[in-house]
Amino acid sequence: MLWPANSPDLNLIEHMWDEFCRWVQQHHPPPANLGQLLQWLQQEWNGVPRAFICNLIHSMRQRCVECLAHNGGHTRY
């Protein structure tokens, strides 16, 4: 593997951002102004479930195993 450190499968923050964006996009209608957007972003960030973060962290071993098994290629993560 030439670039294992660049694998998005190993970058937990990428998965966090993906989920975070989904939570923010659930607000309807869209924010009326920048202040409301910032309020929603802060509210969602502060409400990230601890279990979600723990699951990401605990999945790291399996992510590494799969990344190695696939020579840095596509994994189920």
PDB file of N, CA and C in Angstrom:
ATOM      1  N   MET A   1       0.842  -1.173   0.000  1.00  0.00           N
ATOM      2  CA  MET A   1       0.000   0.000   0.000  1.00  0.00           C
ATOM      3  C   MET A   1       0.888   1.238   0.000  1.00  0.00           C
ATOM      4  N   LEU A   2       0.766   2.010  -1.038  1.00  0.00           N
ATOM      5  CA  LEU A   2       1.587   3.200  -1.145  1.00  0.00           C
ATOM      6  C   LEU A   2       1.068   4.341  -0.279  1.00  0.00           C
ATOM      7  N   TRP A   3      -0.265   4.455  -0.132  1.00  0.00           N
ATOM      8  CA  TRP A   3      -0.834   5.588   0.579  1.00  0.00           C
ATOM      9  C   TRP A   3      -1.891   5.166   1.611  1.00  0.00           C
ATOM     10  N   PRO A   4      -1.594   4.273   2.524  1.00  0.00           N
ATOM     11  CA  PRO A   4      -2.638   3.843   3.464  1.00  0.00           C
ATOM     12  C   PRO A   4      -3.148   4.973   4.349  1.00  0.00           C
ATOM     13  N   ALA A   5      -2.299   5.944   4.649  1.00  0.00           N
ATOM     14  CA  ALA A   5      -2.727   7.045   5.525  1.00  0.00           C
ATOM     15  C   ALA A   5      -3.745   7.945   4.846  1.00  0.00           C
ATOM     16  N   ASN A   6      -3.862   7.874   3.530  1.00  0.00           N
ATOM     17  CA  ASN A   6      -4.813   8.699   2.805  1.00  0.00           C
ATOM     18  C   ASN A   6      -6.152   8.015   2.571  1.00  0.00           C
ATOM     19  N   SER A   7      -6.296   6.818   3.083  1.00  0.00           N
ATOM     20  CA  SER A   7      -7.530   6.087   2.872  1.00  0.00           C
ATOM     21  C   SER A   7      -8.675   6.747   3.637  1.00  0.00           C
ATOM     22  N   PRO A   8      -9.771   7.120   2.942  1.00  0.00           N
ATOM     23  CA  PRO A   8     -10.910   7.715   3.658  1.00  0.00           C
ATOM     24  C   PRO A   8     -11.538   6.730   4.642  1.00  0.00           C
ATOM     25  N   ASP A   9     -11.326   5.433   4.428  1.00  0.00           N
ATOM     26  CA  ASP A   9     -11.853   4.431   5.358  1.00  0.00           C
ATOM     27  C   ASP A   9     -11.213   4.573   6.731  1.00  0.00           C
ATOM     28  N   LEU A  10      -9.997   5.083   6.771  1.00  0.00           N
ATOM     29  CA  LEU A  10      -9.272   5.212   8.038  1.00  0.00           C
ATOM     30  C   LEU A  10      -9.428   6.596   8.658  1.00  0.00           C
ATOM     31  N   ASN A  11     -10.110   7.477   7.978  1.00  0.00           N
ATOM     32  CA  ASN A  11     -10.267   8.839   8.463  1.00  0.00           C
ATOM     33  C   ASN A  11     -11.663   8.985   9.079  1.00  0.00           C
ATOM     34  N   LEU A  12     -11.738   8.831  10.386  1.00  0.00           N
ATOM     35  CA  LEU A  12     -13.031   8.833  11.062  1.00  0.00           C
ATOM     36  C   LEU A  12     -13.775  10.158  10.933  1.00  0.00           C
ATOM     37  N   ILE A  13     -13.054  11.253  10.817  1.00  0.00           N
ATOM     38  CA  ILE A  13     -13.739  12.544  10.727  1.00  0.00           C
ATOM     39  C   ILE A  13     -14.553  12.642   9.434  1.00  0.00           C
ATOM     40  N   GLU A  14     -14.121  11.949   8.381  1.00  0.00           N
ATOM     41  CA  GLU A  14     -14.891  11.942   7.135  1.00  0.00           C
ATOM     42  C   GLU A  14     -16.268  11.326   7.364  1.00  0.00           C
ATOM     43  N   HIS A  15     -16.309  10.257   8.142  1.00  0.00           N
ATOM     44  CA  HIS A  15     -17.582   9.611   8.453  1.00  0.00           C
ATOM     45  C   HIS A  15     -18.416  10.486   9.389  1.00  0.00           C
ATOM     46  N   MET A  16     -17.742  11.187  10.274  1.00  0.00           N
ATOM     47  CA  MET A  16     -18.436  12.099  11.180  1.00  0.00           C
ATOM     48  C   MET A  16     -19.076  13.235  10.394  1.00  0.00           C
ATOM     49  N   TRP A  17     -18.339  13.845   9.452  1.00  0.00           N
ATOM     50  CA  TRP A  17     -18.856  14.947   8.638  1.00  0.00           C
ATOM     51  C   TRP A  17     -20.038  14.481   7.801  1.00  0.00           C
ATOM     52  N   ASP A  18     -19.939  13.276   7.236  1.00  0.00           N
ATOM     53  CA  ASP A  18     -21.018  12.746   6.412  1.00  0.00           C
ATOM     54  C   ASP A  18     -22.316  12.645   7.213  1.00  0.00           C
ATOM     55  N   GLU A  19     -22.231  12.082   8.390  1.00  0.00           N
ATOM     56  CA  GLU A  19     -23.406  11.937   9.246  1.00  0.00           C
ATOM     57  C   GLU A  19     -23.902  13.302   9.723  1.00  0.00           C
ATOM     58  N   PHE A  20     -22.980  14.174  10.082  1.00  0.00           N
ATOM     59  CA  PHE A  20     -23.321  15.519  10.545  1.00  0.00           C
ATOM     60  C   PHE A  20     -24.113  16.271   9.473  1.00  0.00           C
ATOM     61  N   CYS A  21     -23.660  16.181   8.229  1.00  0.00           N
ATOM     62  CA  CYS A  21     -24.360  16.857   7.125  1.00  0.00           C
ATOM     63  C   CYS A  21     -25.778  16.323   6.976  1.00  0.00           C
ATOM     64  N   ARG A  22     -25.950  15.024   7.149  1.00  0.00           N
ATOM     65  CA  ARG A  22     -27.299  14.452   7.068  1.00  0.00           C
ATOM     66  C   ARG A  22     -28.203  15.015   8.151  1.00  0.00           C
ATOM     67  N   TRP A  23     -27.668  15.134   9.364  1.00  0.00           N
ATOM     68  CA  TRP A  23     -28.467  15.669  10.470  1.00  0.00           C
ATOM     69  C   TRP A  23     -28.879  17.113  10.180  1.00  0.00           C
ATOM     70  N   VAL A  24     -27.945  17.907   9.689  1.00  0.00           N
ATOM     71  CA  VAL A  24     -28.223  19.320   9.409  1.00  0.00           C
ATOM     72  C   VAL A  24     -29.242  19.446   8.278  1.00  0.00           C
ATOM     73  N   GLN A  25     -29.146  18.592   7.268  1.00  0.00           N
ATOM     74  CA  GLN A  25     -30.049  18.674   6.120  1.00  0.00           C
ATOM     75  C   GLN A  25     -31.478  18.268   6.463  1.00  0.00           C
ATOM     76  N   GLN A  26     -31.689  17.689   7.628  1.00  0.00           N
ATOM     77  CA  GLN A  26     -33.041  17.311   8.036  1.00  0.00           C
ATOM     78  C   GLN A  26     -33.887  18.514   8.437  1.00  0.00           C
ATOM     79  N   HIS A  27     -33.266  19.654   8.651  1.00  0.00           N
ATOM     80  CA  HIS A  27     -34.014  20.865   9.009  1.00  0.00           C
ATOM     81  C   HIS A  27     -34.764  21.379   7.787  1.00  0.00           C
ATOM     82  N   HIS A  28     -36.066  21.563   7.954  1.00  0.00           N
ATOM     83  CA  HIS A  28     -36.881  22.108   6.868  1.00  0.00           C
ATOM     84  C   HIS A  28     -37.775  23.191   7.435  1.00  0.00           C
ATOM     85  N   PRO A  29     -37.919  24.273   6.785  1.00  0.00           N
ATOM     86  CA  PRO A  29     -37.266  24.681   5.544  1.00  0.00           C
ATOM     87  C   PRO A  29     -35.794  25.026   5.802  1.00  0.00           C
ATOM     88  N   PRO A  30     -35.031  25.271   4.741  1.00  0.00           N
ATOM     89  CA  PRO A  30     -33.625  25.645   4.913  1.00  0.00           C
ATOM     90  C   PRO A  30     -33.504  26.906   5.772  1.00  0.00           C
ATOM     91  N   PRO A  31     -32.327  27.138   6.334  1.00  0.00           N
ATOM     92  CA  PRO A  31     -32.159  28.321   7.180  1.00  0.00           C
ATOM     93  C   PRO A  31     -32.451  29.600   6.410  1.00  0.00           C
ATOM     94  N   ALA A  32     -33.049  30.544   7.101  1.00  0.00           N
ATOM     95  CA  ALA A  32     -33.427  31.816   6.477  1.00  0.00           C
ATOM     96  C   ALA A  32     -32.238  32.766   6.358  1.00  0.00           C
ATOM     97  N   ASN A  33     -31.237  32.562   7.212  1.00  0.00           N
ATOM     98  CA  ASN A  33     -30.083  33.463   7.189  1.00  0.00           C
ATOM     99  C   ASN A  33     -28.870  32.757   7.793  1.00  0.00           C
ATOM    100  N   LEU A  34     -27.738  33.409   7.729  1.00  0.00           N
ATOM    101  CA  LEU A  34     -26.493  32.829   8.221  1.00  0.00           C
ATOM    102  C   LEU A  34     -26.562  32.566   9.729  1.00  0.00           C
ATOM    103  N   GLY A  35     -27.194  33.453  10.459  1.00  0.00           N
ATOM    104  CA  GLY A  35     -27.312  33.274  11.904  1.00  0.00           C
ATOM    105  C   GLY A  35     -28.065  32.004  12.261  1.00  0.00           C
ATOM    106  N   GLN A  36     -29.144  31.745  11.530  1.00  0.00           N
ATOM    107  CA  GLN A  36     -29.922  30.533  11.789  1.00  0.00           C
ATOM    108  C   GLN A  36     -29.119  29.286  11.416  1.00  0.00           C
ATOM    109  N   LEU A  37     -28.393  29.352  10.307  1.00  0.00           N
ATOM    110  CA  LEU A  37     -27.544  28.226   9.917  1.00  0.00           C
ATOM    111  C   LEU A  37     -26.512  27.929  10.996  1.00  0.00           C
ATOM    112  N   LEU A  38     -25.846  28.964  11.476  1.00  0.00           N
ATOM    113  CA  LEU A  38     -24.842  28.770  12.525  1.00  0.00           C
ATOM    114  C   LEU A  38     -25.458  28.176  13.786  1.00  0.00           C
ATOM    115  N   GLN A  39     -26.661  28.625  14.119  1.00  0.00           N
ATOM    116  CA  GLN A  39     -27.365  28.086  15.286  1.00  0.00           C
ATOM    117  C   GLN A  39     -27.654  26.598  15.096  1.00  0.00           C
ATOM    118  N   TRP A  40     -28.149  26.218  13.916  1.00  0.00           N
ATOM    119  CA  TRP A  40     -28.443  24.810  13.636  1.00  0.00           C
ATOM    120  C   TRP A  40     -27.176  23.967  13.679  1.00  0.00           C
ATOM    121  N   LEU A  41     -26.097  24.480  13.078  1.00  0.00           N
ATOM    122  CA  LEU A  41     -24.832  23.735  13.069  1.00  0.00           C
ATOM    123  C   LEU A  41     -24.336  23.494  14.492  1.00  0.00           C
ATOM    124  N   GLN A  42     -24.382  24.529  15.300  1.00  0.00           N
ATOM    125  CA  GLN A  42     -23.928  24.392  16.678  1.00  0.00           C
ATOM    126  C   GLN A  42     -24.826  23.431  17.458  1.00  0.00           C
ATOM    127  N   GLN A  43     -26.114  23.521  17.239  1.00  0.00           N
ATOM    128  CA  GLN A  43     -27.061  22.646  17.920  1.00  0.00           C
ATOM    129  C   GLN A  43     -26.809  21.185  17.540  1.00  0.00           C
ATOM    130  N   GLU A  44     -26.626  20.923  16.259  1.00  0.00           N
ATOM    131  CA  GLU A  44     -26.382  19.550  15.812  1.00  0.00           C
ATOM    132  C   GLU A  44     -25.039  19.030  16.323  1.00  0.00           C
ATOM    133  N   TRP A  45     -24.012  19.883  16.266  1.00  0.00           N
ATOM    134  CA  TRP A  45     -22.689  19.457  16.731  1.00  0.00           C
ATOM    135  C   TRP A  45     -22.723  19.110  18.216  1.00  0.00           C
ATOM    136  N   ASN A  46     -23.391  19.937  18.997  1.00  0.00           N
ATOM    137  CA  ASN A  46     -23.489  19.677  20.436  1.00  0.00           C
ATOM    138  C   ASN A  46     -24.345  18.460  20.739  1.00  0.00           C
ATOM    139  N   GLY A  47     -25.202  18.073  19.793  1.00  0.00           N
ATOM    140  CA  GLY A  47     -26.084  16.940  20.013  1.00  0.00           C
ATOM    141  C   GLY A  47     -25.592  15.624  19.431  1.00  0.00           C
ATOM    142  N   VAL A  48     -24.356  15.600  18.943  1.00  0.00           N
ATOM    143  CA  VAL A  48     -23.831  14.353  18.386  1.00  0.00           C
ATOM    144  C   VAL A  48     -23.852  13.291  19.494  1.00  0.00           C
ATOM    145  N   PRO A  49     -24.521  12.174  19.233  1.00  0.00           N
ATOM    146  CA  PRO A  49     -24.606  11.142  20.269  1.00  0.00           C
ATOM    147  C   PRO A  49     -23.238  10.553  20.612  1.00  0.00           C
ATOM    148  N   ARG A  50     -22.987  10.443  21.882  1.00  0.00           N
ATOM    149  CA  ARG A  50     -21.718   9.870  22.347  1.00  0.00           C
ATOM    150  C   ARG A  50     -21.534   8.456  21.793  1.00  0.00           C
ATOM    151  N   ALA A  51     -22.628   7.705  21.695  1.00  0.00           N
ATOM    152  CA  ALA A  51     -22.557   6.332  21.174  1.00  0.00           C
ATOM    153  C   ALA A  51     -22.057   6.318  19.729  1.00  0.00           C
ATOM    154  N   PHE A  52     -22.448   7.325  18.942  1.00  0.00           N
ATOM    155  CA  PHE A  52     -21.995   7.404  17.552  1.00  0.00           C
ATOM    156  C   PHE A  52     -20.477   7.560  17.502  1.00  0.00           C
ATOM    157  N   ILE A  53     -19.959   8.454  18.315  1.00  0.00           N
ATOM    158  CA  ILE A  53     -18.510   8.686  18.359  1.00  0.00           C
ATOM    159  C   ILE A  53     -17.781   7.435  18.848  1.00  0.00           C
ATOM    160  N   CYS A  54     -18.304   6.806  19.882  1.00  0.00           N
ATOM    161  CA  CYS A  54     -17.684   5.579  20.411  1.00  0.00           C
ATOM    162  C   CYS A  54     -17.672   4.474  19.362  1.00  0.00           C
ATOM    163  N   ASN A  55     -18.777   4.344  18.611  1.00  0.00           N
ATOM    164  CA  ASN A  55     -18.829   3.318  17.561  1.00  0.00           C
ATOM    165  C   ASN A  55     -17.773   3.575  16.487  1.00  0.00           C
ATOM    166  N   LEU A  56     -17.584   4.838  16.118  1.00  0.00           N
ATOM    167  CA  LEU A  56     -16.541   5.158  15.143  1.00  0.00           C
ATOM    168  C   LEU A  56     -15.165   4.754  15.661  1.00  0.00           C
ATOM    169  N   ILE A  57     -14.895   5.102  16.901  1.00  0.00           N
ATOM    170  CA  ILE A  57     -13.592   4.797  17.491  1.00  0.00           C
ATOM    171  C   ILE A  57     -13.381   3.292  17.591  1.00  0.00           C
ATOM    172  N   HIS A  58     -14.398   2.585  18.054  1.00  0.00           N
ATOM    173  CA  HIS A  58     -14.278   1.138  18.233  1.00  0.00           C
ATOM    174  C   HIS A  58     -14.207   0.389  16.900  1.00  0.00           C
ATOM    175  N   SER A  59     -14.629   1.027  15.822  1.00  0.00           N
ATOM    176  CA  SER A  59     -14.568   0.372  14.514  1.00  0.00           C
ATOM    177  C   SER A  59     -13.173   0.483  13.882  1.00  0.00           C
ATOM    178  N   MET A  60     -12.295   1.231  14.486  1.00  0.00           N
ATOM    179  CA  MET A  60     -10.993   1.513  13.862  1.00  0.00           C
ATOM    180  C   MET A  60     -10.165   0.248  13.622  1.00  0.00           C
ATOM    181  N   ARG A  61     -10.172  -0.669  14.576  1.00  0.00           N
ATOM    182  CA  ARG A  61      -9.400  -1.907  14.388  1.00  0.00           C
ATOM    183  C   ARG A  61      -9.880  -2.659  13.149  1.00  0.00           C
ATOM    184  N   GLN A  62     -11.195  -2.821  13.026  1.00  0.00           N
ATOM    185  CA  GLN A  62     -11.740  -3.543  11.877  1.00  0.00           C
ATOM    186  C   GLN A  62     -11.493  -2.785  10.581  1.00  0.00           C
ATOM    187  N   ARG A  63     -11.534  -1.465  10.637  1.00  0.00           N
ATOM    188  CA  ARG A  63     -11.234  -0.660   9.450  1.00  0.00           C
ATOM    189  C   ARG A  63      -9.804  -0.923   8.964  1.00  0.00           C
ATOM    190  N   CYS A  64      -8.875  -0.967   9.901  1.00  0.00           N
ATOM    191  CA  CYS A  64      -7.470  -1.225   9.554  1.00  0.00           C
ATOM    192  C   CYS A  64      -7.301  -2.625   8.967  1.00  0.00           C
ATOM    193  N   VAL A  65      -7.955  -3.610   9.591  1.00  0.00           N
ATOM    194  CA  VAL A  65      -7.867  -4.990   9.104  1.00  0.00           C
ATOM    195  C   VAL A  65      -8.389  -5.068   7.665  1.00  0.00           C
ATOM    196  N   GLU A  66      -9.554  -4.455   7.416  1.00  0.00           N
ATOM    197  CA  GLU A  66     -10.123  -4.505   6.069  1.00  0.00           C
ATOM    198  C   GLU A  66      -9.287  -3.732   5.054  1.00  0.00           C
ATOM    199  N   CYS A  67      -8.753  -2.610   5.472  1.00  0.00           N
ATOM    200  CA  CYS A  67      -7.918  -1.812   4.575  1.00  0.00           C
ATOM    201  C   CYS A  67      -6.681  -2.615   4.156  1.00  0.00           C
ATOM    202  N   LEU A  68      -6.072  -3.289   5.108  1.00  0.00           N
ATOM    203  CA  LEU A  68      -4.908  -4.130   4.799  1.00  0.00           C
ATOM    204  C   LEU A  68      -5.301  -5.313   3.917  1.00  0.00           C
ATOM    205  N   ALA A  69      -6.432  -5.931   4.221  1.00  0.00           N
ATOM    206  CA  ALA A  69      -6.885  -7.092   3.451  1.00  0.00           C
ATOM    207  C   ALA A  69      -7.191  -6.722   1.999  1.00  0.00           C
ATOM    208  N   HIS A  70      -7.597  -5.483   1.764  1.00  0.00           N
ATOM    209  CA  HIS A  70      -7.938  -5.034   0.415  1.00  0.00           C
ATOM    210  C   HIS A  70      -6.825  -4.212  -0.218  1.00  0.00           C
ATOM    211  N   ASN A  71      -5.629  -4.291   0.353  1.00  0.00           N
ATOM    212  CA  ASN A  71      -4.469  -3.567  -0.183  1.00  0.00           C
ATOM    213  C   ASN A  71      -4.749  -2.079  -0.350  1.00  0.00           C
ATOM    214  N   GLY A  72      -5.495  -1.513   0.590  1.00  0.00           N
ATOM    215  CA  GLY A  72      -5.803  -0.086   0.536  1.00  0.00           C
ATOM    216  C   GLY A  72      -6.956   0.249  -0.382  1.00  0.00           C
ATOM    217  N   GLY A  73      -7.574  -0.764  -0.980  1.00  0.00           N
ATOM    218  CA  GLY A  73      -8.694  -0.525  -1.896  1.00  0.00           C
ATOM    219  C   GLY A  73     -10.008  -0.343  -1.148  1.00  0.00           C
ATOM    220  N   HIS A  74     -11.086  -0.455  -1.883  1.00  0.00           N
ATOM    221  CA  HIS A  74     -12.439  -0.233  -1.355  1.00  0.00           C
ATOM    222  C   HIS A  74     -12.785  -1.249  -0.265  1.00  0.00           C
ATOM    223  N   THR A  75     -13.371  -0.755   0.821  1.00  0.00           N
ATOM    224  CA  THR A  75     -13.850  -1.615   1.890  1.00  0.00           C
ATOM    225  C   THR A  75     -15.325  -1.301   2.124  1.00  0.00           C
ATOM    226  N   ARG A  76     -15.958  -2.024   3.030  1.00  0.00           N
ATOM    227  CA  ARG A  76     -17.376  -1.778   3.311  1.00  0.00           C
ATOM    228  C   ARG A  76     -17.579  -0.496   4.092  1.00  0.00           C
ATOM    229  N   TYR A  77     -16.510   0.114   4.550  1.00  0.00           N
ATOM    230  CA  TYR A  77     -16.639   1.368   5.298  1.00  0.00           C
ATOM    231  C   TYR A  77     -16.652   2.495   4.325  1.00  0.00           C
TER     232      TYR A  77
END
